[in-house]
Amino acid sequence: DVSAARLGQIDIAAREWIGLVAYRLAGRTRELLPGP
């Protein structure tokens, strides 16, 4: 694995986790981590 790819993974993951927290705090989702 190249370092740039791993940095890209962290960028994607950070955006998703921050989005999950932000939408939960804003009341736009009912769960922090929605599942099936």
All heavy atoms as atom14 arrays in JSON, in Angstrom:
{
  "sequence": "DVSAARLGQIDIAAREWIGLVAYRLAGRTRELLPGP",
  "atom14_mask": [
    [1, 1, 1, 1, 1, 1, 1, 1, 0, 0, 0, 0, 0, 0],
    [1, 1, 1, 1, 1, 1, 1, 0, 0, 0, 0, 0, 0, 0],
    [1, 1, 1, 1, 1, 1, 0, 0, 0, 0, 0, 0, 0, 0],
    [1, 1, 1, 1, 1, 0, 0, 0, 0, 0, 0, 0, 0, 0],
    [1, 1, 1, 1, 1, 0, 0, 0, 0, 0, 0, 0, 0, 0],
    [1, 1, 1, 1, 1, 1, 1, 1, 1, 1, 1, 0, 0, 0],
    [1, 1, 1, 1, 1, 1, 1, 1, 0, 0, 0, 0, 0, 0],
    [1, 1, 1, 1, 0, 0, 0, 0, 0, 0, 0, 0, 0, 0],
    [1, 1, 1, 1, 1, 1, 1, 1, 1, 0, 0, 0, 0, 0],
    [1, 1, 1, 1, 1, 1, 1, 1, 0, 0, 0, 0, 0, 0],
    [1, 1, 1, 1, 1, 1, 1, 1, 0, 0, 0, 0, 0, 0],
    [1, 1, 1, 1, 1, 1, 1, 1, 0, 0, 0, 0, 0, 0],
    [1, 1, 1, 1, 1, 0, 0, 0, 0, 0, 0, 0, 0, 0],
    [1, 1, 1, 1, 1, 0, 0, 0, 0, 0, 0, 0, 0, 0],
    [1, 1, 1, 1, 1, 1, 1, 1, 1, 1, 1, 0, 0, 0],
    [1, 1, 1, 1, 1, 1, 1, 1, 1, 0, 0, 0, 0, 0],
    [1, 1, 1, 1, 1, 1, 1, 1, 1, 1, 1, 1, 1, 1],
    [1, 1, 1, 1, 1, 1, 1, 1, 0, 0, 0, 0, 0, 0],
    [1, 1, 1, 1, 0, 0, 0, 0, 0, 0, 0, 0, 0, 0],
    [1, 1, 1, 1, 1, 1, 1, 1, 0, 0, 0, 0, 0, 0],
    [1, 1, 1, 1, 1, 1, 1, 0, 0, 0, 0, 0, 0, 0],
    [1, 1, 1, 1, 1, 0, 0, 0, 0, 0, 0, 0, 0, 0],
    [1, 1, 1, 1, 1, 1, 1, 1, 1, 1, 1, 1, 0, 0],
    [1, 1, 1, 1, 1, 1, 1, 1, 1, 1, 1, 0, 0, 0],
    [1, 1, 1, 1, 1, 1, 1, 1, 0, 0, 0, 0, 0, 0],
    [1, 1, 1, 1, 1, 0, 0, 0, 0, 0, 0, 0, 0, 0],
    [1, 1, 1, 1, 0, 0, 0, 0, 0, 0, 0, 0, 0, 0],
    [1, 1, 1, 1, 1, 1, 1, 1, 1, 1, 1, 0, 0, 0],
    [1, 1, 1, 1, 1, 1, 1, 0, 0, 0, 0, 0, 0, 0],
    [1, 1, 1, 1, 1, 1, 1, 1, 1, 1, 1, 0, 0, 0],
    [1, 1, 1, 1, 1, 1, 1, 1, 1, 0, 0, 0, 0, 0],
    [1, 1, 1, 1, 1, 1, 1, 1, 0, 0, 0, 0, 0, 0],
    [1, 1, 1, 1, 1, 1, 1, 1, 0, 0, 0, 0, 0, 0],
    [1, 1, 1, 1, 1, 1, 1, 0, 0, 0, 0, 0, 0, 0],
    [1, 1, 1, 1, 0, 0, 0, 0, 0, 0, 0, 0, 0, 0],
    [1, 1, 1, 1, 1, 1, 1, 0, 0, 0, 0, 0, 0, 0]
  ],
  "atom14_positions": [
    [[0.83, -1.19, 0.0], [0.0, 0.0, 0.0], [0.87, 1.25, 0.0], [1.87, 1.33, 0.72], [-0.91, 0.04, 1.23], [-1.98, -1.04, 1.16], [-2.22, -1.55, 0.06], [-2.57, -1.35, 2.2], [0.0, 0.0, 0.0], [0.0, 0.0, 0.0], [0.0, 0.0, 0.0], [0.0, 0.0, 0.0], [0.0, 0.0, 0.0], [0.0, 0.0, 0.0]],
    [[0.47, 2.23, -0.79], [1.21, 3.5, -0.81], [0.62, 4.44, 0.22], [-0.55, 4.36, 0.57], [1.16, 4.13, -2.22], [1.87, 3.25, -3.22], [-0.27, 4.38, -2.66], [0.0, 0.0, 0.0], [0.0, 0.0, 0.0], [0.0, 0.0, 0.0], [0.0, 0.0, 0.0], [0.0, 0.0, 0.0], [0.0, 0.0, 0.0], [0.0, 0.0, 0.0]],
    [[1.44, 5.34, 0.71], [1.02, 6.23, 1.77], [-0.13, 7.14, 1.34], [-1.02, 7.46, 2.12], [2.2, 7.08, 2.25], [2.74, 7.84, 1.18], [0.0, 0.0, 0.0], [0.0, 0.0, 0.0], [0.0, 0.0, 0.0], [0.0, 0.0, 0.0], [0.0, 0.0, 0.0], [0.0, 0.0, 0.0], [0.0, 0.0, 0.0], [0.0, 0.0, 0.0]],
    [[-0.11, 7.59, 0.07], [-1.16, 8.49, -0.4], [-2.53, 7.83, -0.32], [-3.53, 8.48, 0.01], [-0.86, 8.91, -1.84], [0.0, 0.0, 0.0], [0.0, 0.0, 0.0], [0.0, 0.0, 0.0], [0.0, 0.0, 0.0], [0.0, 0.0, 0.0], [0.0, 0.0, 0.0], [0.0, 0.0, 0.0], [0.0, 0.0, 0.0], [0.0, 0.0, 0.0]],
    [[-2.61, 6.54, -0.62], [-3.88, 5.83, -0.55], [-4.39, 5.77, 0.88], [-5.57, 5.91, 1.15], [-3.73, 4.42, -1.11], [0.0, 0.0, 0.0], [0.0, 0.0, 0.0], [0.0, 0.0, 0.0], [0.0, 0.0, 0.0], [0.0, 0.0, 0.0], [0.0, 0.0, 0.0], [0.0, 0.0, 0.0], [0.0, 0.0, 0.0], [0.0, 0.0, 0.0]],
    [[-3.49, 5.58, 1.83], [-3.91, 5.52, 3.23], [-4.35, 6.88, 3.73], [-5.29, 6.99, 4.52], [-2.77, 4.97, 4.07], [-2.5, 3.51, 3.77], [-1.42, 2.95, 4.65], [-1.17, 1.57, 4.29], [-0.18, 0.85, 4.77], [0.63, 1.38, 5.67], [0.0, -0.4, 4.4], [0.0, 0.0, 0.0], [0.0, 0.0, 0.0], [0.0, 0.0, 0.0]],
    [[-3.69, 7.92, 3.29], [-4.13, 9.26, 3.66], [-5.51, 9.53, 3.07], [-6.35, 10.19, 3.7], [-3.12, 10.3, 3.17], [-1.77, 10.32, 3.88], [-0.83, 11.29, 3.21], [-1.94, 10.68, 5.35], [0.0, 0.0, 0.0], [0.0, 0.0, 0.0], [0.0, 0.0, 0.0], [0.0, 0.0, 0.0], [0.0, 0.0, 0.0], [0.0, 0.0, 0.0]],
    [[-5.76, 9.01, 1.88], [-7.08, 9.16, 1.27], [-8.14, 8.44, 2.08], [-9.28, 8.94, 2.23], [0.0, 0.0, 0.0], [0.0, 0.0, 0.0], [0.0, 0.0, 0.0], [0.0, 0.0, 0.0], [0.0, 0.0, 0.0], [0.0, 0.0, 0.0], [0.0, 0.0, 0.0], [0.0, 0.0, 0.0], [0.0, 0.0, 0.0], [0.0, 0.0, 0.0]],
    [[-7.82, 7.27, 2.61], [-8.76, 6.53, 3.45], [-9.12, 7.33, 4.7], [-10.29, 7.4, 5.1], [-8.17, 5.18, 3.86], [-8.09, 4.16, 2.74], [-7.5, 2.85, 3.23], [-6.85, 2.79, 4.27], [-7.72, 1.79, 2.48], [0.0, 0.0, 0.0], [0.0, 0.0, 0.0], [0.0, 0.0, 0.0], [0.0, 0.0, 0.0], [0.0, 0.0, 0.0]],
    [[-8.13, 7.94, 5.32], [-8.38, 8.73, 6.52], [-9.24, 9.95, 6.19], [-10.13, 10.33, 6.94], [-7.06, 9.14, 7.18], [-6.38, 7.91, 7.78], [-7.28, 10.22, 8.25], [-5.06, 8.19, 8.43], [0.0, 0.0, 0.0], [0.0, 0.0, 0.0], [0.0, 0.0, 0.0], [0.0, 0.0, 0.0], [0.0, 0.0, 0.0], [0.0, 0.0, 0.0]],
    [[-8.99, 10.55, 5.05], [-9.79, 11.7, 4.62], [-11.26, 11.31, 4.47], [-12.16, 12.01, 4.94], [-9.24, 12.25, 3.3], [-10.05, 13.41, 2.78], [-10.09, 14.45, 3.46], [-10.66, 13.28, 1.7], [0.0, 0.0, 0.0], [0.0, 0.0, 0.0], [0.0, 0.0, 0.0], [0.0, 0.0, 0.0], [0.0, 0.0, 0.0], [0.0, 0.0, 0.0]],
    [[-11.51, 10.17, 3.81], [-12.88, 9.7, 3.61], [-13.53, 9.35, 4.95], [-14.66, 9.75, 5.25], [-12.89, 8.46, 2.69], [-12.47, 8.85, 1.28], [-14.27, 7.81, 2.68], [-12.26, 7.66, 0.35], [0.0, 0.0, 0.0], [0.0, 0.0, 0.0], [0.0, 0.0, 0.0], [0.0, 0.0, 0.0], [0.0, 0.0, 0.0], [0.0, 0.0, 0.0]],
    [[-12.79, 8.6, 5.78], [-13.34, 8.18, 7.06], [-13.65, 9.37, 7.97], [-14.7, 9.4, 8.63], [-12.37, 7.22, 7.75], [0.0, 0.0, 0.0], [0.0, 0.0, 0.0], [0.0, 0.0, 0.0], [0.0, 0.0, 0.0], [0.0, 0.0, 0.0], [0.0, 0.0, 0.0], [0.0, 0.0, 0.0], [0.0, 0.0, 0.0], [0.0, 0.0, 0.0]],
    [[-12.75, 10.34, 8.02], [-12.97, 11.51, 8.86], [-14.21, 12.27, 8.42], [-15.02, 12.7, 9.26], [-11.74, 12.42, 8.81], [0.0, 0.0, 0.0], [0.0, 0.0, 0.0], [0.0, 0.0, 0.0], [0.0, 0.0, 0.0], [0.0, 0.0, 0.0], [0.0, 0.0, 0.0], [0.0, 0.0, 0.0], [0.0, 0.0, 0.0], [0.0, 0.0, 0.0]],
    [[-14.39, 12.42, 7.12], [-15.58, 13.12, 6.62], [-16.86, 12.39, 7.0], [-17.84, 13.02, 7.42], [-15.48, 13.27, 5.1], [-16.65, 14.06, 4.5], [-16.45, 14.34, 3.03], [-16.43, 13.13, 2.23], [-15.37, 12.66, 1.62], [-14.21, 13.28, 1.73], [-15.42, 11.56, 0.9], [0.0, 0.0, 0.0], [0.0, 0.0, 0.0], [0.0, 0.0, 0.0]],
    [[-16.85, 11.07, 6.9], [-18.06, 10.3, 7.23], [-18.37, 10.33, 8.72], [-19.52, 10.53, 9.12], [-17.91, 8.85, 6.75], [-17.99, 8.7, 5.25], [-19.28, 9.25, 4.66], [-20.35, 9.02, 5.25], [-19.2, 9.93, 3.62], [0.0, 0.0, 0.0], [0.0, 0.0, 0.0], [0.0, 0.0, 0.0], [0.0, 0.0, 0.0], [0.0, 0.0, 0.0]],
    [[-17.35, 10.13, 9.55], [-17.59, 10.12, 11.0], [-18.02, 11.5, 11.49], [-18.92, 11.62, 12.34], [-16.34, 9.65, 11.74], [-16.15, 8.17, 11.7], [-15.18, 7.48, 11.02], [-16.96, 7.18, 12.36], [-15.33, 6.13, 11.2], [-16.4, 5.91, 12.03], [-18.06, 7.23, 13.18], [-16.94, 4.72, 12.51], [-18.61, 6.05, 13.66], [-18.05, 4.81, 13.33]],
    [[-17.4, 12.55, 10.98], [-17.82, 13.9, 11.35], [-19.24, 14.17, 10.88], [-20.06, 14.76, 11.6], [-16.84, 14.95, 10.76], [-15.48, 14.83, 11.46], [-17.4, 16.35, 10.91], [-14.4, 15.68, 10.82], [0.0, 0.0, 0.0], [0.0, 0.0, 0.0], [0.0, 0.0, 0.0], [0.0, 0.0, 0.0], [0.0, 0.0, 0.0], [0.0, 0.0, 0.0]],
    [[-19.56, 13.71, 9.66], [-20.93, 13.88, 9.15], [-21.96, 13.14, 9.99], [-23.05, 13.66, 10.26], [0.0, 0.0, 0.0], [0.0, 0.0, 0.0], [0.0, 0.0, 0.0], [0.0, 0.0, 0.0], [0.0, 0.0, 0.0], [0.0, 0.0, 0.0], [0.0, 0.0, 0.0], [0.0, 0.0, 0.0], [0.0, 0.0, 0.0], [0.0, 0.0, 0.0]],
    [[-21.62, 11.93, 10.43], [-22.54, 11.17, 11.28], [-22.81, 11.89, 12.59], [-23.96, 11.99, 13.04], [-21.96, 9.78, 11.55], [-22.06, 8.76, 10.4], [-21.14, 7.58, 10.66], [-23.49, 8.29, 10.22], [0.0, 0.0, 0.0], [0.0, 0.0, 0.0], [0.0, 0.0, 0.0], [0.0, 0.0, 0.0], [0.0, 0.0, 0.0], [0.0, 0.0, 0.0]],
    [[-21.76, 12.39, 13.22], [-21.92, 13.1, 14.48], [-22.71, 14.39, 14.28], [-23.64, 14.71, 15.05], [-20.54, 13.4, 15.1], [-20.69, 14.31, 16.32], [-19.84, 12.11, 15.49], [0.0, 0.0, 0.0], [0.0, 0.0, 0.0], [0.0, 0.0, 0.0], [0.0, 0.0, 0.0], [0.0, 0.0, 0.0], [0.0, 0.0, 0.0], [0.0, 0.0, 0.0]],
    [[-22.37, 15.15, 13.24], [-23.03, 16.42, 12.99], [-24.52, 16.23, 12.7], [-25.38, 16.96, 13.23], [-22.36, 17.15, 11.83], [0.0, 0.0, 0.0], [0.0, 0.0, 0.0], [0.0, 0.0, 0.0], [0.0, 0.0, 0.0], [0.0, 0.0, 0.0], [0.0, 0.0, 0.0], [0.0, 0.0, 0.0], [0.0, 0.0, 0.0], [0.0, 0.0, 0.0]],
    [[-24.86, 15.25, 11.86], [-26.27, 15.02, 11.53], [-27.05, 14.5, 12.74], [-28.22, 14.82, 12.92], [-26.38, 14.05, 10.36], [-26.18, 14.68, 9.01], [-25.57, 13.98, 7.97], [-26.61, 15.97, 8.76], [-25.39, 14.56, 6.72], [-26.44, 16.55, 7.51], [-25.82, 15.85, 6.5], [-25.65, 16.41, 5.26], [0.0, 0.0, 0.0], [0.0, 0.0, 0.0]],
    [[-26.38, 13.71, 13.59], [-27.07, 13.23, 14.79], [-27.35, 14.39, 15.74], [-28.44, 14.5, 16.3], [-26.22, 12.16, 15.48], [-26.88, 11.59, 16.73], [-28.15, 10.83, 16.37], [-28.9, 10.42, 17.54], [-29.91, 11.12, 18.07], [-30.28, 12.27, 17.53], [-30.55, 10.67, 19.13], [0.0, 0.0, 0.0], [0.0, 0.0, 0.0], [0.0, 0.0, 0.0]],
    [[-26.37, 15.25, 15.95], [-26.55, 16.4, 16.83], [-27.6, 17.37, 16.28], [-28.32, 18.02, 17.05], [-25.22, 17.13, 17.03], [-24.14, 16.37, 17.8], [-22.84, 17.16, 17.82], [-24.61, 16.05, 19.22], [0.0, 0.0, 0.0], [0.0, 0.0, 0.0], [0.0, 0.0, 0.0], [0.0, 0.0, 0.0], [0.0, 0.0, 0.0], [0.0, 0.0, 0.0]],
    [[-27.7, 17.46, 14.98], [-28.67, 18.35, 14.35], [-30.07, 17.73, 14.27], [-31.01, 18.39, 13.82], [-28.2, 18.74, 12.95], [0.0, 0.0, 0.0], [0.0, 0.0, 0.0], [0.0, 0.0, 0.0], [0.0, 0.0, 0.0], [0.0, 0.0, 0.0], [0.0, 0.0, 0.0], [0.0, 0.0, 0.0], [0.0, 0.0, 0.0], [0.0, 0.0, 0.0]],
    [[-30.19, 16.45, 14.68], [-31.49, 15.79, 14.64], [-31.9, 15.3, 13.26], [-33.06, 14.97, 13.04], [0.0, 0.0, 0.0], [0.0, 0.0, 0.0], [0.0, 0.0, 0.0], [0.0, 0.0, 0.0], [0.0, 0.0, 0.0], [0.0, 0.0, 0.0], [0.0, 0.0, 0.0], [0.0, 0.0, 0.0], [0.0, 0.0, 0.0], [0.0, 0.0, 0.0]],
    [[-30.93, 15.21, 12.35], [-31.26, 14.76, 11.0], [-31.19, 13.25, 10.85], [-31.59, 12.71, 9.82], [-30.34, 15.44, 9.99], [-30.6, 16.93, 9.87], [-29.73, 17.58, 8.81], [-30.12, 18.97, 8.58], [-29.55, 19.78, 7.7], [-28.53, 19.32, 6.96], [-29.97, 21.01, 7.54], [0.0, 0.0, 0.0], [0.0, 0.0, 0.0], [0.0, 0.0, 0.0]],
    [[-30.65, 12.57, 11.83], [-30.68, 11.1, 11.88], [-31.1, 10.69, 13.28], [-30.93, 11.45, 14.25], [-29.31, 10.48, 11.55], [-28.33, 10.98, 12.46], [-28.9, 10.79, 10.12], [0.0, 0.0, 0.0], [0.0, 0.0, 0.0], [0.0, 0.0, 0.0], [0.0, 0.0, 0.0], [0.0, 0.0, 0.0], [0.0, 0.0, 0.0], [0.0, 0.0, 0.0]],
    [[-31.61, 9.48, 13.4], [-32.08, 9.0, 14.7], [-31.01, 8.25, 15.47], [-31.12, 8.08, 16.67], [-33.29, 8.07, 14.5], [-34.49, 8.76, 13.88], [-35.63, 7.79, 13.67], [-36.74, 8.44, 12.98], [-37.46, 7.86, 12.04], [-37.19, 6.63, 11.68], [-38.45, 8.51, 11.47], [0.0, 0.0, 0.0], [0.0, 0.0, 0.0], [0.0, 0.0, 0.0]],
    [[-30.01, 7.74, 14.77], [-28.94, 6.98, 15.41], [-27.59, 7.56, 14.98], [-27.47, 8.13, 13.9], [-28.98, 5.5, 15.02], [-30.33, 4.82, 15.16], [-31.19, 4.98, 13.93], [-30.64, 5.02, 12.83], [-32.42, 5.09, 14.09], [0.0, 0.0, 0.0], [0.0, 0.0, 0.0], [0.0, 0.0, 0.0], [0.0, 0.0, 0.0], [0.0, 0.0, 0.0]],
    [[-26.61, 7.38, 15.85], [-25.27, 7.84, 15.5], [-24.71, 7.03, 14.34], [-24.1, 7.58, 13.43], [-24.35, 7.74, 16.71], [-22.88, 8.12, 16.47], [-22.76, 9.57, 16.01], [-22.05, 7.88, 17.72], [0.0, 0.0, 0.0], [0.0, 0.0, 0.0], [0.0, 0.0, 0.0], [0.0, 0.0, 0.0], [0.0, 0.0, 0.0], [0.0, 0.0, 0.0]],
    [[-24.92, 5.71, 14.38], [-24.43, 4.83, 13.32], [-25.58, 3.94, 12.85], [-25.74, 2.82, 13.34], [-23.26, 3.98, 13.83], [-22.56, 3.1, 12.79], [-21.96, 3.95, 11.67], [-21.47, 2.25, 13.45], [0.0, 0.0, 0.0], [0.0, 0.0, 0.0], [0.0, 0.0, 0.0], [0.0, 0.0, 0.0], [0.0, 0.0, 0.0], [0.0, 0.0, 0.0]],
    [[-26.41, 4.43, 11.94], [-27.55, 3.64, 11.47], [-27.1, 2.3, 10.91], [-26.05, 2.18, 10.28], [-28.15, 4.53, 10.38], [-27.74, 5.91, 10.75], [-26.37, 5.77, 11.34], [0.0, 0.0, 0.0], [0.0, 0.0, 0.0], [0.0, 0.0, 0.0], [0.0, 0.0, 0.0], [0.0, 0.0, 0.0], [0.0, 0.0, 0.0], [0.0, 0.0, 0.0]],
    [[-27.92, 1.3, 11.16], [-27.63, -0.04, 10.67], [-28.86, -0.7, 10.1], [-29.94, -0.09, 10.03], [0.0, 0.0, 0.0], [0.0, 0.0, 0.0], [0.0, 0.0, 0.0], [0.0, 0.0, 0.0], [0.0, 0.0, 0.0], [0.0, 0.0, 0.0], [0.0, 0.0, 0.0], [0.0, 0.0, 0.0], [0.0, 0.0, 0.0], [0.0, 0.0, 0.0]],
    [[-28.76, -1.95, 9.67], [-29.9, -2.65, 9.09], [-31.06, -2.77, 10.07], [-30.87, -3.13, 11.23], [-29.33, -4.04, 8.73], [-27.86, -3.83, 8.65], [-27.53, -2.75, 9.65], [0.0, 0.0, 0.0], [0.0, 0.0, 0.0], [0.0, 0.0, 0.0], [0.0, 0.0, 0.0], [0.0, 0.0, 0.0], [0.0, 0.0, 0.0], [0.0, 0.0, 0.0]]
  ]
}
